[in-house]
């Protein structure tokens, strides 16, 4: 989108995400140019991993400071310790809502627990996710930290003005249906139950 590319020439990706007025300008560009019915928070699904203590930089693609293993799991912060680092998303929502016509909706989003787990373990989402699958026994412990965090993150975005929150869980499509049901579905149900009627879900099926 030309509007985004022009902003990207002057600001870094992180600035566009974390400076609320800039995030609002990015989100509003497609609405203004194409008259879409809704604006979407301009952000990135990996900021929760940064907030939990894993570090994150873009050069230009995302790179975490370290990978998740059974040994490094203890380095992750709790939801209570980490959620303050996501305040910029509430402010970006408020800035977007303030400029968005009342006739337009505002959508927020978070990454799905399994997708965030794959990035935490592998540093990316590509290939067959062999390492994430190999360490899948670590996923329940990861969920004990990430699910409460994401619930707080969703609440923060709703308080900022979002009408619905999408859970983007693209990596879940790499799992066979039975494994998905046993391993991942419970965490999604837990998040959805906390916000009845306010959660959408998106994945990509490969099985």
Protein backbone atom coordinates (compact mmCIF):
# COMPACT_ATOMS: atom_id res chain seq x y z
CA UNK A 1 0.00 0.00 0.00
CA UNK A 2 1.48 3.34 -1.08
CA UNK A 3 0.33 5.07 2.13
CA UNK A 4 2.27 2.57 4.26
CA UNK A 5 5.35 2.67 2.05
CA UNK A 6 5.54 6.44 2.34
CA UNK A 7 5.43 6.23 6.13
CA UNK A 8 7.99 3.41 6.12
CA UNK A 9 10.46 5.67 4.31
CA UNK A 10 10.42 8.03 7.30
CA UNK A 11 9.91 5.70 10.27
CA UNK A 12 11.03 2.24 11.34
CA UNK A 13 8.57 -0.63 11.62
CA UNK A 14 8.85 -0.51 15.43
CA UNK A 15 8.12 3.22 15.46
CA UNK A 16 5.04 2.68 13.32
CA UNK A 17 3.82 0.03 15.76
CA UNK A 18 4.76 1.60 19.09
CA UNK A 19 4.08 5.30 18.52
CA UNK A 20 0.28 5.47 18.80
CA UNK A 21 -0.28 8.38 16.42
CA UNK A 22 1.82 6.68 13.74
CA UNK A 23 0.06 3.33 14.28
CA UNK A 24 -3.26 5.13 13.84
CA UNK A 25 -2.11 6.70 10.59
CA UNK A 26 -1.09 3.30 9.20
CA UNK A 27 -4.39 1.71 10.26
CA UNK A 28 -6.46 4.50 8.73
CA UNK A 29 -4.73 4.51 5.34
CA UNK A 30 -6.65 1.56 3.81
CA UNK A 31 -9.96 2.86 5.20
CA UNK A 32 -9.41 6.24 3.61
CA UNK A 33 -8.17 4.86 0.28
CA UNK A 34 -10.55 1.93 -0.17
CA UNK A 35 -13.47 2.77 2.14
CA UNK A 36 -13.15 -0.49 4.06
CA UNK A 37 -15.75 -1.14 6.73
CA UNK A 38 -13.16 -1.57 9.48
CA UNK A 39 -9.68 -0.55 10.54
CA UNK A 40 -7.27 -3.09 12.03
CA UNK A 41 -4.77 -2.31 14.77
CA UNK A 42 -1.34 -1.86 13.23
CA UNK A 43 1.00 -3.97 15.33
CA UNK A 44 2.76 -7.34 15.35
CA UNK A 45 1.89 -10.66 16.95
CA UNK A 46 5.39 -11.07 18.43
CA UNK A 47 5.36 -8.14 20.84
CA UNK A 48 3.99 -10.39 23.64
CA UNK A 49 7.18 -12.47 23.43
CA UNK A 50 9.21 -9.29 23.78
CA UNK A 51 7.09 -8.24 26.76
CA UNK A 52 7.64 -11.62 28.41
CA UNK A 53 11.40 -11.03 28.24
CA UNK A 54 12.58 -12.70 25.03
CA UNK A 55 13.81 -9.54 23.33
CA UNK A 56 12.87 -8.60 19.78
CA UNK A 57 14.38 -6.65 16.94
CA UNK A 58 13.63 -6.26 13.25
CA UNK A 59 16.53 -6.31 10.79
CA UNK A 60 14.36 -6.28 8.76
CA UNK A 61 12.57 -9.46 9.78
CA UNK A 62 11.81 -10.30 13.42
CA UNK A 63 14.57 -11.80 15.54
CA UNK A 64 14.10 -12.89 19.16
CA UNK A 65 16.90 -12.54 21.67
CA UNK A 66 16.85 -16.20 22.65
CA UNK A 67 14.87 -19.36 22.01
CA UNK A 68 12.54 -21.22 24.33
CA UNK A 69 13.74 -24.53 25.80
CA UNK A 70 12.91 -26.40 29.00
CA UNK A 71 15.91 -24.61 30.54
CA UNK A 72 14.98 -21.08 29.44
CA UNK A 73 11.24 -21.31 30.22
CA UNK A 74 11.94 -19.98 33.73
CA UNK A 75 13.24 -16.74 32.20
CA UNK A 76 9.76 -15.73 31.01
CA UNK A 77 7.98 -13.08 33.05
CA UNK A 78 4.50 -13.53 34.47
CA UNK A 79 1.49 -11.87 32.86
CA UNK A 80 1.31 -9.37 35.72
CA UNK A 81 4.96 -8.41 35.30
CA UNK A 82 4.81 -8.16 31.52
CA UNK A 83 1.47 -6.65 30.50
CA UNK A 84 2.55 -3.05 31.11
CA UNK A 85 4.85 -3.35 28.11
CA UNK A 86 1.76 -3.63 25.86
CA UNK A 87 0.24 -0.31 26.90
CA UNK A 88 1.22 1.11 23.53
CA UNK A 89 -1.45 -1.08 21.92
CA UNK A 90 -4.20 0.44 24.08
CA UNK A 91 -2.94 3.91 23.13
CA UNK A 92 -2.75 2.95 19.43
CA UNK A 93 -6.35 1.71 19.62
CA UNK A 94 -7.47 4.94 21.27
CA UNK A 95 -5.65 7.06 18.68
CA UNK A 96 -7.16 5.04 15.82
CA UNK A 97 -10.66 5.14 17.25
CA UNK A 98 -10.43 8.91 17.73
CA UNK A 99 -9.80 9.42 14.00
CA UNK A 100 -11.98 6.61 12.65
CA UNK A 101 -15.50 7.55 11.47
CA UNK A 102 -18.20 6.27 13.81
CA UNK A 103 -19.61 4.19 10.96
CA UNK A 104 -16.40 2.12 10.80
CA UNK A 105 -15.45 -0.74 13.10
CA UNK A 106 -12.12 -1.31 14.82
CA UNK A 107 -10.51 -4.75 15.02
CA UNK A 108 -7.66 -5.82 17.30
CA UNK A 109 -5.61 -9.00 17.27
CA UNK A 110 -3.23 -11.26 19.16
CA UNK A 111 -1.21 -14.26 18.08
CA UNK A 112 -2.47 -17.71 18.98
CA UNK A 113 -0.60 -19.53 21.77
CA UNK A 114 0.68 -22.28 19.43
CA UNK A 115 1.90 -19.78 16.84
CA UNK A 116 3.70 -17.78 19.52
CA UNK A 117 5.17 -21.02 20.85
CA UNK A 118 6.56 -21.93 17.43
CA UNK A 119 8.24 -18.54 17.12
CA UNK A 120 9.59 -18.81 20.67
CA UNK A 121 11.09 -22.26 20.00
CA UNK A 122 12.18 -21.87 16.38
CA UNK A 123 12.58 -18.14 15.92
CA UNK A 124 10.30 -18.19 12.88
CA UNK A 125 7.27 -19.85 11.34
CA UNK A 126 8.51 -21.75 8.33
CA UNK A 127 9.02 -25.30 7.22
CA UNK A 128 7.44 -28.16 9.11
CA UNK A 129 8.01 -26.70 12.59
CA UNK A 130 10.02 -29.76 13.58
CA UNK A 131 11.54 -28.18 16.70
CA UNK A 132 8.19 -26.88 17.97
CA UNK A 133 6.66 -30.31 17.49
CA UNK A 134 9.65 -31.97 19.15
CA UNK A 135 9.21 -29.73 22.20
CA UNK A 136 5.40 -29.89 22.20
CA UNK A 137 5.47 -31.33 25.73
CA UNK A 138 6.63 -27.85 26.81
CA UNK A 139 3.54 -26.18 25.33
CA UNK A 140 1.22 -26.65 28.36
CA UNK A 141 3.79 -24.94 30.61
CA UNK A 142 4.13 -22.14 28.06
CA UNK A 143 0.34 -21.78 28.00
CA UNK A 144 0.29 -21.28 31.76
CA UNK A 145 2.16 -18.03 31.10
CA UNK A 146 1.01 -16.92 27.65
CA UNK A 147 -2.75 -17.50 27.96
CA UNK A 148 -3.21 -15.23 31.03
CA UNK A 149 -1.01 -12.68 29.29
CA UNK A 150 -3.07 -12.80 26.08
CA UNK A 151 -6.30 -12.48 28.05
CA UNK A 152 -4.91 -9.29 29.60
CA UNK A 153 -3.70 -8.16 26.18
CA UNK A 154 -7.15 -8.67 24.69
CA UNK A 155 -8.75 -6.76 27.56
CA UNK A 156 -6.32 -3.91 27.02
CA UNK A 157 -7.21 -3.68 23.32
CA UNK A 158 -10.95 -3.80 24.03
CA UNK A 159 -10.57 -1.02 26.59
CA UNK A 160 -8.76 0.95 23.88
CA UNK A 161 -11.78 0.71 21.57
CA UNK A 162 -11.61 -2.61 19.71
CA UNK A 163 -14.98 -4.19 19.00
CA UNK A 164 -13.62 -7.63 18.21
CA UNK A 165 -10.25 -9.33 18.62
CA UNK A 166 -8.89 -11.80 16.10
CA UNK A 167 -6.63 -14.64 17.22
CA UNK A 168 -4.15 -15.24 14.41
CA UNK A 169 -2.91 -18.81 14.75
CA UNK A 170 -1.36 -19.56 11.36
CA UNK A 171 1.08 -22.17 12.66
CA UNK A 172 -1.76 -24.28 14.04
CA UNK A 173 -2.47 -25.41 10.49
CA UNK A 174 0.75 -27.44 10.61
CA UNK A 175 -0.80 -29.77 13.19
CA UNK A 176 -2.90 -32.83 12.45
CA UNK A 177 -6.54 -32.30 13.58
CA UNK A 178 -6.29 -34.77 16.45
CA UNK A 179 -3.12 -33.18 17.81
CA UNK A 180 -4.66 -29.73 17.45
CA UNK A 181 -7.71 -30.85 19.39
CA UNK A 182 -5.67 -32.39 22.20
CA UNK A 183 -2.90 -29.79 22.39
CA UNK A 184 -4.17 -26.40 21.24
CA UNK A 185 -7.97 -26.18 21.24
CA UNK A 186 -8.25 -25.83 25.01
CA UNK A 187 -6.17 -22.65 25.10
CA UNK A 188 -8.28 -21.07 22.36
CA UNK A 189 -11.49 -22.03 24.14
CA UNK A 190 -10.17 -20.52 27.36
CA UNK A 191 -9.43 -17.19 25.65
CA UNK A 192 -12.76 -17.11 23.82
CA UNK A 193 -14.71 -17.91 27.00
CA UNK A 194 -13.21 -14.83 28.69
CA UNK A 195 -14.78 -12.55 26.04
CA UNK A 196 -18.07 -14.06 24.79
CA UNK A 197 -18.96 -12.86 21.32
CA UNK A 198 -15.82 -10.72 20.99
CA UNK A 199 -13.28 -13.24 19.63
CA UNK A 200 -12.60 -14.33 16.05
CA UNK A 201 -10.14 -17.03 15.05
CA UNK A 202 -7.98 -17.45 11.97
CA UNK A 203 -5.64 -20.27 11.01
CA UNK A 204 -4.36 -21.89 7.84
CA UNK A 205 -5.08 -25.58 7.39
CA UNK A 206 -2.49 -27.81 5.75
CA UNK A 207 -3.69 -31.19 6.99
